[in-house]
């Protein structure tokens, strides 16, 4: 049960890191755009493409990790349910 819990924590940590990378990448992209008085908005296509590809990669990673976290939580719930004794029909949960 401890290994399942540590695997769950690793999945949550990886999801949080991927989310943080998405936030940092969008912050970097917005801070690199110049909004001068006479200068029109000209995004750098190379930077925008890198941002889009990295963002899509992180979105996929977050989606997969969310499903993995749900599976770990369900497995842990089943282990707790099996290991918890039932006294007189009352179900004591951890």
PDB file of N, CA and C in Angstrom:
ATOM      1  N   UNK A   1       0.827  -1.191   0.000  1.00  0.00           N
ATOM      2  CA  UNK A   1       0.000   0.000   0.000  1.00  0.00           C
ATOM      3  C   UNK A   1       0.866   1.247   0.000  1.00  0.00           C
ATOM      4  N   UNK A   2       2.017   1.173   0.640  1.00  0.00           N
ATOM      5  CA  UNK A   2       2.908   2.326   0.689  1.00  0.00           C
ATOM      6  C   UNK A   2       3.473   2.658  -0.686  1.00  0.00           C
ATOM      7  N   UNK A   3       3.772   1.622  -1.479  1.00  0.00           N
ATOM      8  CA  UNK A   3       4.290   1.881  -2.826  1.00  0.00           C
ATOM      9  C   UNK A   3       3.226   2.515  -3.705  1.00  0.00           C
ATOM     10  N   UNK A   4       1.963   2.101  -3.531  1.00  0.00           N
ATOM     11  CA  UNK A   4       0.875   2.724  -4.299  1.00  0.00           C
ATOM     12  C   UNK A   4       0.726   4.186  -3.929  1.00  0.00           C
ATOM     13  N   UNK A   5       0.862   4.466  -2.632  1.00  0.00           N
ATOM     14  CA  UNK A   5       0.747   5.854  -2.175  1.00  0.00           C
ATOM     15  C   UNK A   5       1.902   6.700  -2.705  1.00  0.00           C
ATOM     16  N   UNK A   6       3.116   6.168  -2.700  1.00  0.00           N
ATOM     17  CA  UNK A   6       4.249   6.939  -3.227  1.00  0.00           C
ATOM     18  C   UNK A   6       4.136   7.112  -4.740  1.00  0.00           C
ATOM     19  N   UNK A   7       3.604   6.114  -5.444  1.00  0.00           N
ATOM     20  CA  UNK A   7       3.377   6.261  -6.890  1.00  0.00           C
ATOM     21  C   UNK A   7       2.338   7.344  -7.155  1.00  0.00           C
ATOM     22  N   UNK A   8       1.304   7.394  -6.320  1.00  0.00           N
ATOM     23  CA  UNK A   8       0.291   8.450  -6.432  1.00  0.00           C
ATOM     24  C   UNK A   8       0.920   9.814  -6.215  1.00  0.00           C
ATOM     25  N   UNK A   9       1.768   9.936  -5.196  1.00  0.00           N
ATOM     26  CA  UNK A   9       2.421  11.214  -4.927  1.00  0.00           C
ATOM     27  C   UNK A   9       3.352  11.626  -6.065  1.00  0.00           C
ATOM     28  N   UNK A  10       4.055  10.662  -6.665  1.00  0.00           N
ATOM     29  CA  UNK A  10       4.922  10.972  -7.809  1.00  0.00           C
ATOM     30  C   UNK A  10       4.113  11.443  -9.006  1.00  0.00           C
ATOM     31  N   UNK A  11       2.950  10.842  -9.229  1.00  0.00           N
ATOM     32  CA  UNK A  11       2.093  11.257 -10.340  1.00  0.00           C
ATOM     33  C   UNK A  11       1.558  12.668 -10.114  1.00  0.00           C
ATOM     34  N   UNK A  12       1.168  12.971  -8.888  1.00  0.00           N
ATOM     35  CA  UNK A  12       0.681  14.324  -8.566  1.00  0.00           C
ATOM     36  C   UNK A  12       1.807  15.345  -8.746  1.00  0.00           C
ATOM     37  N   UNK A  13       3.009  14.999  -8.303  1.00  0.00           N
ATOM     38  CA  UNK A  13       4.150  15.892  -8.463  1.00  0.00           C
ATOM     39  C   UNK A  13       4.454  16.139  -9.940  1.00  0.00           C
ATOM     40  N   UNK A  14       4.438  15.086 -10.748  1.00  0.00           N
ATOM     41  CA  UNK A  14       4.697  15.245 -12.187  1.00  0.00           C
ATOM     42  C   UNK A  14       3.627  16.108 -12.843  1.00  0.00           C
ATOM     43  N   UNK A  15       2.368  15.940 -12.430  1.00  0.00           N
ATOM     44  CA  UNK A  15       1.289  16.779 -12.971  1.00  0.00           C
ATOM     45  C   UNK A  15       1.487  18.239 -12.590  1.00  0.00           C
ATOM     46  N   UNK A  16       1.879  18.483 -11.348  1.00  0.00           N
ATOM     47  CA  UNK A  16       2.099  19.859 -10.907  1.00  0.00           C
ATOM     48  C   UNK A  16       3.284  20.501 -11.630  1.00  0.00           C
ATOM     49  N   UNK A  17       4.325  19.728 -11.896  1.00  0.00           N
ATOM     50  CA  UNK A  17       5.480  20.245 -12.640  1.00  0.00           C
ATOM     51  C   UNK A  17       5.073  20.603 -14.062  1.00  0.00           C
ATOM     52  N   UNK A  18       4.300  19.738 -14.714  1.00  0.00           N
ATOM     53  CA  UNK A  18       3.859  20.012 -16.083  1.00  0.00           C
ATOM     54  C   UNK A  18       2.963  21.250 -16.132  1.00  0.00           C
ATOM     55  N   UNK A  19       2.082  21.389 -15.150  1.00  0.00           N
ATOM     56  CA  UNK A  19       1.224  22.573 -15.087  1.00  0.00           C
ATOM     57  C   UNK A  19       2.055  23.832 -14.870  1.00  0.00           C
ATOM     58  N   UNK A  20       3.046  23.747 -13.999  1.00  0.00           N
ATOM     59  CA  UNK A  20       3.936  24.892 -13.767  1.00  0.00           C
ATOM     60  C   UNK A  20       4.715  25.276 -15.011  1.00  0.00           C
ATOM     61  N   UNK A  21       5.150  24.281 -15.788  1.00  0.00           N
ATOM     62  CA  UNK A  21       5.858  24.575 -17.034  1.00  0.00           C
ATOM     63  C   UNK A  21       4.953  25.280 -18.029  1.00  0.00           C
ATOM     64  N   UNK A  22       3.675  24.889 -18.068  1.00  0.00           N
ATOM     65  CA  UNK A  22       2.729  25.561 -18.968  1.00  0.00           C
ATOM     66  C   UNK A  22       2.534  27.015 -18.553  1.00  0.00           C
ATOM     67  N   UNK A  23       2.410  27.247 -17.270  1.00  0.00           N
ATOM     68  CA  UNK A  23       2.221  28.615 -16.772  1.00  0.00           C
ATOM     69  C   UNK A  23       3.464  29.462 -17.056  1.00  0.00           C
ATOM     70  N   UNK A  24       4.651  28.898 -16.805  1.00  0.00           N
ATOM     71  CA  UNK A  24       5.896  29.627 -17.036  1.00  0.00           C
ATOM     72  C   UNK A  24       6.093  29.936 -18.516  1.00  0.00           C
ATOM     73  N   UNK A  25       5.747  28.985 -19.395  1.00  0.00           N
ATOM     74  CA  UNK A  25       5.902  29.211 -20.830  1.00  0.00           C
ATOM     75  C   UNK A  25       4.974  30.315 -21.317  1.00  0.00           C
ATOM     76  N   UNK A  26       3.741  30.335 -20.826  1.00  0.00           N
ATOM     77  CA  UNK A  26       2.830  31.406 -21.242  1.00  0.00           C
ATOM     78  C   UNK A  26       3.276  32.753 -20.683  1.00  0.00           C
ATOM     79  N   UNK A  27       3.821  32.757 -19.486  1.00  0.00           N
ATOM     80  CA  UNK A  27       4.344  33.990 -18.910  1.00  0.00           C
ATOM     81  C   UNK A  27       5.527  34.511 -19.725  1.00  0.00           C
ATOM     82  N   UNK A  28       6.428  33.599 -20.126  1.00  0.00           N
ATOM     83  CA  UNK A  28       7.577  34.004 -20.944  1.00  0.00           C
ATOM     84  C   UNK A  28       7.145  34.537 -22.301  1.00  0.00           C
ATOM     85  N   UNK A  29       6.142  33.899 -22.903  1.00  0.00           N
ATOM     86  CA  UNK A  29       5.665  34.355 -24.203  1.00  0.00           C
ATOM     87  C   UNK A  29       5.051  35.751 -24.098  1.00  0.00           C
ATOM     88  N   UNK A  30       4.246  35.965 -23.059  1.00  0.00           N
ATOM     89  CA  UNK A  30       3.603  37.278 -22.909  1.00  0.00           C
ATOM     90  C   UNK A  30       4.612  38.368 -22.556  1.00  0.00           C
ATOM     91  N   UNK A  31       5.654  38.037 -21.822  1.00  0.00           N
ATOM     92  CA  UNK A  31       6.628  39.061 -21.450  1.00  0.00           C
ATOM     93  C   UNK A  31       7.558  39.395 -22.620  1.00  0.00           C
ATOM     94  N   UNK A  32       7.625  38.537 -23.620  1.00  0.00           N
ATOM     95  CA  UNK A  32       8.499  38.815 -24.762  1.00  0.00           C
ATOM     96  C   UNK A  32       7.817  39.660 -25.826  1.00  0.00           C
ATOM     97  N   UNK A  33       6.508  39.836 -25.730  1.00  0.00           N
ATOM     98  CA  UNK A  33       5.782  40.632 -26.728  1.00  0.00           C
ATOM     99  C   UNK A  33       5.908  42.111 -26.366  1.00  0.00           C
ATOM    100  N   UNK A  34       6.264  42.920 -27.355  1.00  0.00           N
ATOM    101  CA  UNK A  34       6.428  44.343 -27.122  1.00  0.00           C
ATOM    102  C   UNK A  34       5.163  45.087 -27.542  1.00  0.00           C
ATOM    103  N   UNK A  35       4.645  45.905 -26.645  1.00  0.00           N
ATOM    104  CA  UNK A  35       3.466  46.714 -26.938  1.00  0.00           C
ATOM    105  C   UNK A  35       3.871  48.188 -27.002  1.00  0.00           C
ATOM    106  N   UNK A  36       4.771  48.516 -27.930  1.00  0.00           N
ATOM    107  CA  UNK A  36       5.210  49.902 -28.077  1.00  0.00           C
ATOM    108  C   UNK A  36       4.127  50.776 -28.677  1.00  0.00           C
ATOM    109  N   UNK A  37       4.323  52.110 -28.617  1.00  0.00           N
ATOM    110  CA  UNK A  37       3.308  53.028 -29.130  1.00  0.00           C
ATOM    111  C   UNK A  37       3.143  52.919 -30.644  1.00  0.00           C
ATOM    112  N   UNK A  38       4.254  52.885 -31.376  1.00  0.00           N
ATOM    113  CA  UNK A  38       4.149  52.877 -32.834  1.00  0.00           C
ATOM    114  C   UNK A  38       4.466  51.510 -33.439  1.00  0.00           C
ATOM    115  N   UNK A  39       4.825  50.574 -32.626  1.00  0.00           N
ATOM    116  CA  UNK A  39       5.213  49.269 -33.148  1.00  0.00           C
ATOM    117  C   UNK A  39       4.007  48.332 -33.140  1.00  0.00           C
ATOM    118  N   UNK A  40       3.655  47.793 -34.298  1.00  0.00           N
ATOM    119  CA  UNK A  40       2.530  46.854 -34.320  1.00  0.00           C
ATOM    120  C   UNK A  40       2.919  45.537 -33.654  1.00  0.00           C
ATOM    121  N   UNK A  41       1.909  44.815 -33.272  1.00  0.00           N
ATOM    122  CA  UNK A  41       2.137  43.528 -32.615  1.00  0.00           C
ATOM    123  C   UNK A  41       2.656  42.527 -33.650  1.00  0.00           C
ATOM    124  N   UNK A  42       3.907  42.128 -33.500  1.00  0.00           N
ATOM    125  CA  UNK A  42       4.517  41.169 -34.419  1.00  0.00           C
ATOM    126  C   UNK A  42       5.028  39.978 -33.608  1.00  0.00           C
ATOM    127  N   UNK A  43       4.241  38.902 -33.525  1.00  0.00           N
ATOM    128  CA  UNK A  43       4.735  37.759 -32.759  1.00  0.00           C
ATOM    129  C   UNK A  43       5.843  37.042 -33.509  1.00  0.00           C
ATOM    130  N   UNK A  44       6.744  36.503 -32.779  1.00  0.00           N
ATOM    131  CA  UNK A  44       7.794  35.691 -33.364  1.00  0.00           C
ATOM    132  C   UNK A  44       7.220  34.301 -33.611  1.00  0.00           C
ATOM    133  N   UNK A  45       7.147  33.914 -34.878  1.00  0.00           N
ATOM    134  CA  UNK A  45       6.491  32.647 -35.197  1.00  0.00           C
ATOM    135  C   UNK A  45       7.276  31.460 -34.660  1.00  0.00           C
ATOM    136  N   UNK A  46       8.590  31.548 -34.650  1.00  0.00           N
ATOM    137  CA  UNK A  46       9.386  30.442 -34.124  1.00  0.00           C
ATOM    138  C   UNK A  46       9.096  30.253 -32.636  1.00  0.00           C
ATOM    139  N   UNK A  47       9.046  31.350 -31.909  1.00  0.00           N
ATOM    140  CA  UNK A  47       8.770  31.265 -30.478  1.00  0.00           C
ATOM    141  C   UNK A  47       7.345  30.783 -30.232  1.00  0.00           C
ATOM    142  N   UNK A  48       6.401  31.261 -31.048  1.00  0.00           N
ATOM    143  CA  UNK A  48       5.011  30.838 -30.888  1.00  0.00           C
ATOM    144  C   UNK A  48       4.851  29.354 -31.205  1.00  0.00           C
ATOM    145  N   UNK A  49       5.571  28.865 -32.211  1.00  0.00           N
ATOM    146  CA  UNK A  49       5.489  27.440 -32.550  1.00  0.00           C
ATOM    147  C   UNK A  49       6.060  26.582 -31.432  1.00  0.00           C
ATOM    148  N   UNK A  50       7.192  26.985 -30.882  1.00  0.00           N
ATOM    149  CA  UNK A  50       7.795  26.241 -29.767  1.00  0.00           C
ATOM    150  C   UNK A  50       6.841  26.237 -28.577  1.00  0.00           C
ATOM    151  N   UNK A  51       6.243  27.386 -28.301  1.00  0.00           N
ATOM    152  CA  UNK A  51       5.293  27.481 -27.193  1.00  0.00           C
ATOM    153  C   UNK A  51       4.110  26.541 -27.412  1.00  0.00           C
ATOM    154  N   UNK A  52       3.575  26.537 -28.632  1.00  0.00           N
ATOM    155  CA  UNK A  52       2.406  25.718 -28.924  1.00  0.00           C
ATOM    156  C   UNK A  52       2.725  24.220 -28.806  1.00  0.00           C
ATOM    157  N   UNK A  53       3.863  23.811 -29.344  1.00  0.00           N
ATOM    158  CA  UNK A  53       4.244  22.398 -29.276  1.00  0.00           C
ATOM    159  C   UNK A  53       4.500  21.955 -27.834  1.00  0.00           C
ATOM    160  N   UNK A  54       5.213  22.783 -27.082  1.00  0.00           N
ATOM    161  CA  UNK A  54       5.493  22.429 -25.686  1.00  0.00           C
ATOM    162  C   UNK A  54       4.222  22.418 -24.863  1.00  0.00           C
ATOM    163  N   UNK A  55       3.328  23.359 -25.133  1.00  0.00           N
ATOM    164  CA  UNK A  55       2.072  23.430 -24.400  1.00  0.00           C
ATOM    165  C   UNK A  55       1.208  22.206 -24.689  1.00  0.00           C
ATOM    166  N   UNK A  56       1.165  21.791 -25.955  1.00  0.00           N
ATOM    167  CA  UNK A  56       0.384  20.613 -26.324  1.00  0.00           C
ATOM    168  C   UNK A  56       0.963  19.360 -25.666  1.00  0.00           C
ATOM    169  N   UNK A  57       2.285  19.276 -25.616  1.00  0.00           N
ATOM    170  CA  UNK A  57       2.940  18.150 -24.952  1.00  0.00           C
ATOM    171  C   UNK A  57       2.581  18.104 -23.472  1.00  0.00           C
ATOM    172  N   UNK A  58       2.626  19.244 -22.825  1.00  0.00           N
ATOM    173  CA  UNK A  58       2.293  19.295 -21.397  1.00  0.00           C
ATOM    174  C   UNK A  58       0.813  19.025 -21.150  1.00  0.00           C
ATOM    175  N   UNK A  59      -0.068  19.462 -22.065  1.00  0.00           N
ATOM    176  CA  UNK A  59      -1.494  19.169 -21.922  1.00  0.00           C
ATOM    177  C   UNK A  59      -1.740  17.667 -21.984  1.00  0.00           C
ATOM    178  N   UNK A  60      -1.068  16.993 -22.914  1.00  0.00           N
ATOM    179  CA  UNK A  60      -1.197  15.539 -23.030  1.00  0.00           C
ATOM    180  C   UNK A  60      -0.686  14.858 -21.766  1.00  0.00           C
ATOM    181  N   UNK A  61       0.454  15.339 -21.267  1.00  0.00           N
ATOM    182  CA  UNK A  61       1.044  14.765 -20.044  1.00  0.00           C
ATOM    183  C   UNK A  61       0.104  14.937 -18.862  1.00  0.00           C
ATOM    184  N   UNK A  62      -0.509  16.110 -18.735  1.00  0.00           N
ATOM    185  CA  UNK A  62      -1.428  16.372 -17.620  1.00  0.00           C
ATOM    186  C   UNK A  62      -2.664  15.474 -17.728  1.00  0.00           C
ATOM    187  N   UNK A  63      -3.187  15.319 -18.938  1.00  0.00           N
ATOM    188  CA  UNK A  63      -4.356  14.461 -19.119  1.00  0.00           C
ATOM    189  C   UNK A  63      -4.080  13.017 -18.747  1.00  0.00           C
ATOM    190  N   UNK A  64      -2.938  12.499 -19.167  1.00  0.00           N
ATOM    191  CA  UNK A  64      -2.574  11.121 -18.839  1.00  0.00           C
ATOM    192  C   UNK A  64      -2.341  10.969 -17.339  1.00  0.00           C
ATOM    193  N   UNK A  65      -1.665  11.936 -16.738  1.00  0.00           N
ATOM    194  CA  UNK A  65      -1.403  11.854 -15.296  1.00  0.00           C
ATOM    195  C   UNK A  65      -2.692  11.954 -14.481  1.00  0.00           C
ATOM    196  N   UNK A  66      -3.670  12.738 -14.956  1.00  0.00           N
ATOM    197  CA  UNK A  66      -4.952  12.802 -14.249  1.00  0.00           C
ATOM    198  C   UNK A  66      -5.632  11.440 -14.232  1.00  0.00           C
ATOM    199  N   UNK A  67      -5.610  10.736 -15.364  1.00  0.00           N
ATOM    200  CA  UNK A  67      -6.213   9.404 -15.414  1.00  0.00           C
ATOM    201  C   UNK A  67      -5.442   8.419 -14.532  1.00  0.00           C
ATOM    202  N   UNK A  68      -4.118   8.544 -14.510  1.00  0.00           N
ATOM    203  CA  UNK A  68      -3.290   7.687 -13.675  1.00  0.00           C
ATOM    204  C   UNK A  68      -3.565   7.944 -12.192  1.00  0.00           C
ATOM    205  N   UNK A  69      -3.717   9.203 -11.829  1.00  0.00           N
ATOM    206  CA  UNK A  69      -4.009   9.567 -10.434  1.00  0.00           C
ATOM    207  C   UNK A  69      -5.363   8.997 -10.016  1.00  0.00           C
ATOM    208  N   UNK A  70      -6.363   9.096 -10.898  1.00  0.00           N
ATOM    209  CA  UNK A  70      -7.676   8.529 -10.580  1.00  0.00           C
ATOM    210  C   UNK A  70      -7.582   7.020 -10.359  1.00  0.00           C
ATOM    211  N   UNK A  71      -6.797   6.335 -11.198  1.00  0.00           N
ATOM    212  CA  UNK A  71      -6.640   4.886 -11.046  1.00  0.00           C
ATOM    213  C   UNK A  71      -5.938   4.545  -9.730  1.00  0.00           C
ATOM    214  N   UNK A  72      -4.897   5.306  -9.376  1.00  0.00           N
ATOM    215  CA  UNK A  72      -4.206   5.074  -8.113  1.00  0.00           C
ATOM    216  C   UNK A  72      -5.132   5.312  -6.920  1.00  0.00           C
ATOM    217  N   UNK A  73      -5.927   6.382  -6.995  1.00  0.00           N
ATOM    218  CA  UNK A  73      -6.855   6.670  -5.901  1.00  0.00           C
ATOM    219  C   UNK A  73      -7.892   5.563  -5.749  1.00  0.00           C
ATOM    220  N   UNK A  74      -8.391   5.056  -6.877  1.00  0.00           N
ATOM    221  CA  UNK A  74      -9.365   3.974  -6.824  1.00  0.00           C
ATOM    222  C   UNK A  74      -8.734   2.707  -6.239  1.00  0.00           C
ATOM    223  N   UNK A  75      -7.501   2.404  -6.645  1.00  0.00           N
ATOM    224  CA  UNK A  75      -6.815   1.227  -6.114  1.00  0.00           C
ATOM    225  C   UNK A  75      -6.550   1.367  -4.617  1.00  0.00           C
ATOM    226  N   UNK A  76      -6.138   2.552  -4.190  1.00  0.00           N
ATOM    227  CA  UNK A  76      -5.915   2.768  -2.758  1.00  0.00           C
ATOM    228  C   UNK A  76      -7.217   2.645  -1.975  1.00  0.00           C
ATOM    229  N   UNK A  77      -8.311   3.156  -2.535  1.00  0.00           N
ATOM    230  CA  UNK A  77      -9.612   3.038  -1.881  1.00  0.00           C
ATOM    231  C   UNK A  77     -10.021   1.588  -1.712  1.00  0.00           C
ATOM    232  N   UNK A  78      -9.743   0.764  -2.741  1.00  0.00           N
ATOM    233  CA  UNK A  78     -10.067  -0.657  -2.637  1.00  0.00           C
ATOM    234  C   UNK A  78      -9.212  -1.344  -1.586  1.00  0.00           C
ATOM    235  N   UNK A  79      -7.937  -0.974  -1.501  1.00  0.00           N
ATOM    236  CA  UNK A  79      -7.054  -1.578  -0.493  1.00  0.00           C
ATOM    237  C   UNK A  79      -7.488  -1.189   0.913  1.00  0.00           C
ATOM    238  N   UNK A  80      -7.876   0.071   1.100  1.00  0.00           N
ATOM    239  CA  UNK A  80      -8.350   0.512   2.417  1.00  0.00           C
ATOM    240  C   UNK A  80      -9.638  -0.207   2.765  1.00  0.00           C
ATOM    241  N   UNK A  81     -10.521  -0.368   1.781  1.00  0.00           N
ATOM    242  CA  UNK A  81     -11.795  -1.035   2.011  1.00  0.00           C
ATOM    243  C   UNK A  81     -11.582  -2.482   2.421  1.00  0.00           C
ATOM    244  N   UNK A  82     -10.631  -3.180   1.766  1.00  0.00           N
ATOM    245  CA  UNK A  82     -10.358  -4.584   2.089  1.00  0.00           C
ATOM    246  C   UNK A  82      -9.683  -4.731   3.446  1.00  0.00           C
ATOM    247  N   UNK A  83      -8.848  -3.775   3.809  1.00  0.00           N
ATOM    248  CA  UNK A  83      -8.076  -3.917   5.044  1.00  0.00           C
ATOM    249  C   UNK A  83      -8.813  -3.398   6.272  1.00  0.00           C
ATOM    250  N   UNK A  84      -9.955  -2.752   6.084  1.00  0.00           N
ATOM    251  CA  UNK A  84     -10.697  -2.190   7.215  1.00  0.00           C
ATOM    252  C   UNK A  84     -11.749  -3.189   7.686  1.00  0.00           C
ATOM    253  N   UNK A  85     -11.707  -3.596   8.943  1.00  0.00           N
ATOM    254  CA  UNK A  85     -12.697  -4.573   9.424  1.00  0.00           C
ATOM    255  C   UNK A  85     -14.076  -3.925   9.581  1.00  0.00           C
ATOM    256  N   UNK A  86     -15.094  -4.776   9.459  1.00  0.00           N
ATOM    257  CA  UNK A  86     -16.478  -4.304   9.636  1.00  0.00           C
ATOM    258  C   UNK A  86     -17.009  -4.929  10.931  1.00  0.00           C
ATOM    259  N   UNK A  87     -17.405  -4.069  11.857  1.00  0.00           N
ATOM    260  CA  UNK A  87     -17.865  -4.532  13.154  1.00  0.00           C
ATOM    261  C   UNK A  87     -19.387  -4.344  13.248  1.00  0.00           C
ATOM    262  N   UNK A  88     -20.108  -5.428  13.343  1.00  0.00           N
ATOM    263  CA  UNK A  88     -21.561  -5.358  13.538  1.00  0.00           C
ATOM    264  C   UNK A  88     -22.285  -4.662  12.421  1.00  0.00           C
ATOM    265  N   UNK A  89     -21.812  -4.777  11.182  1.00  0.00           N
ATOM    266  CA  UNK A  89     -22.479  -4.165  10.043  1.00  0.00           C
ATOM    267  C   UNK A  89     -22.104  -2.706   9.831  1.00  0.00           C
ATOM    268  N   UNK A  90     -21.382  -2.111  10.773  1.00  0.00           N
ATOM    269  CA  UNK A  90     -20.948  -0.721  10.623  1.00  0.00           C
ATOM    270  C   UNK A  90     -19.625  -0.739   9.872  1.00  0.00           C
ATOM    271  N   UNK A  91     -19.555   0.072   8.829  1.00  0.00           N
ATOM    272  CA  UNK A  91     -18.368   0.077   7.971  1.00  0.00           C
ATOM    273  C   UNK A  91     -17.447   1.221   8.400  1.00  0.00           C
ATOM    274  N   UNK A  92     -16.331   0.889   9.036  1.00  0.00           N
ATOM    275  CA  UNK A  92     -15.379   1.903   9.470  1.00  0.00           C
ATOM    276  C   UNK A  92     -14.362   2.142   8.361  1.00  0.00           C
ATOM    277  N   UNK A  93     -14.295   3.350   7.880  1.00  0.00           N
ATOM    278  CA  UNK A  93     -13.350   3.689   6.804  1.00  0.00           C
ATOM    279  C   UNK A  93     -12.193   4.494   7.393  1.00  0.00           C
ATOM    280  N   UNK A  94     -11.064   4.358   6.787  1.00  0.00           N
ATOM    281  CA  UNK A  94      -9.882   5.105   7.246  1.00  0.00           C
ATOM    282  C   UNK A  94     -10.009   6.553   6.830  1.00  0.00           C
TER     283      UNK A  94
END
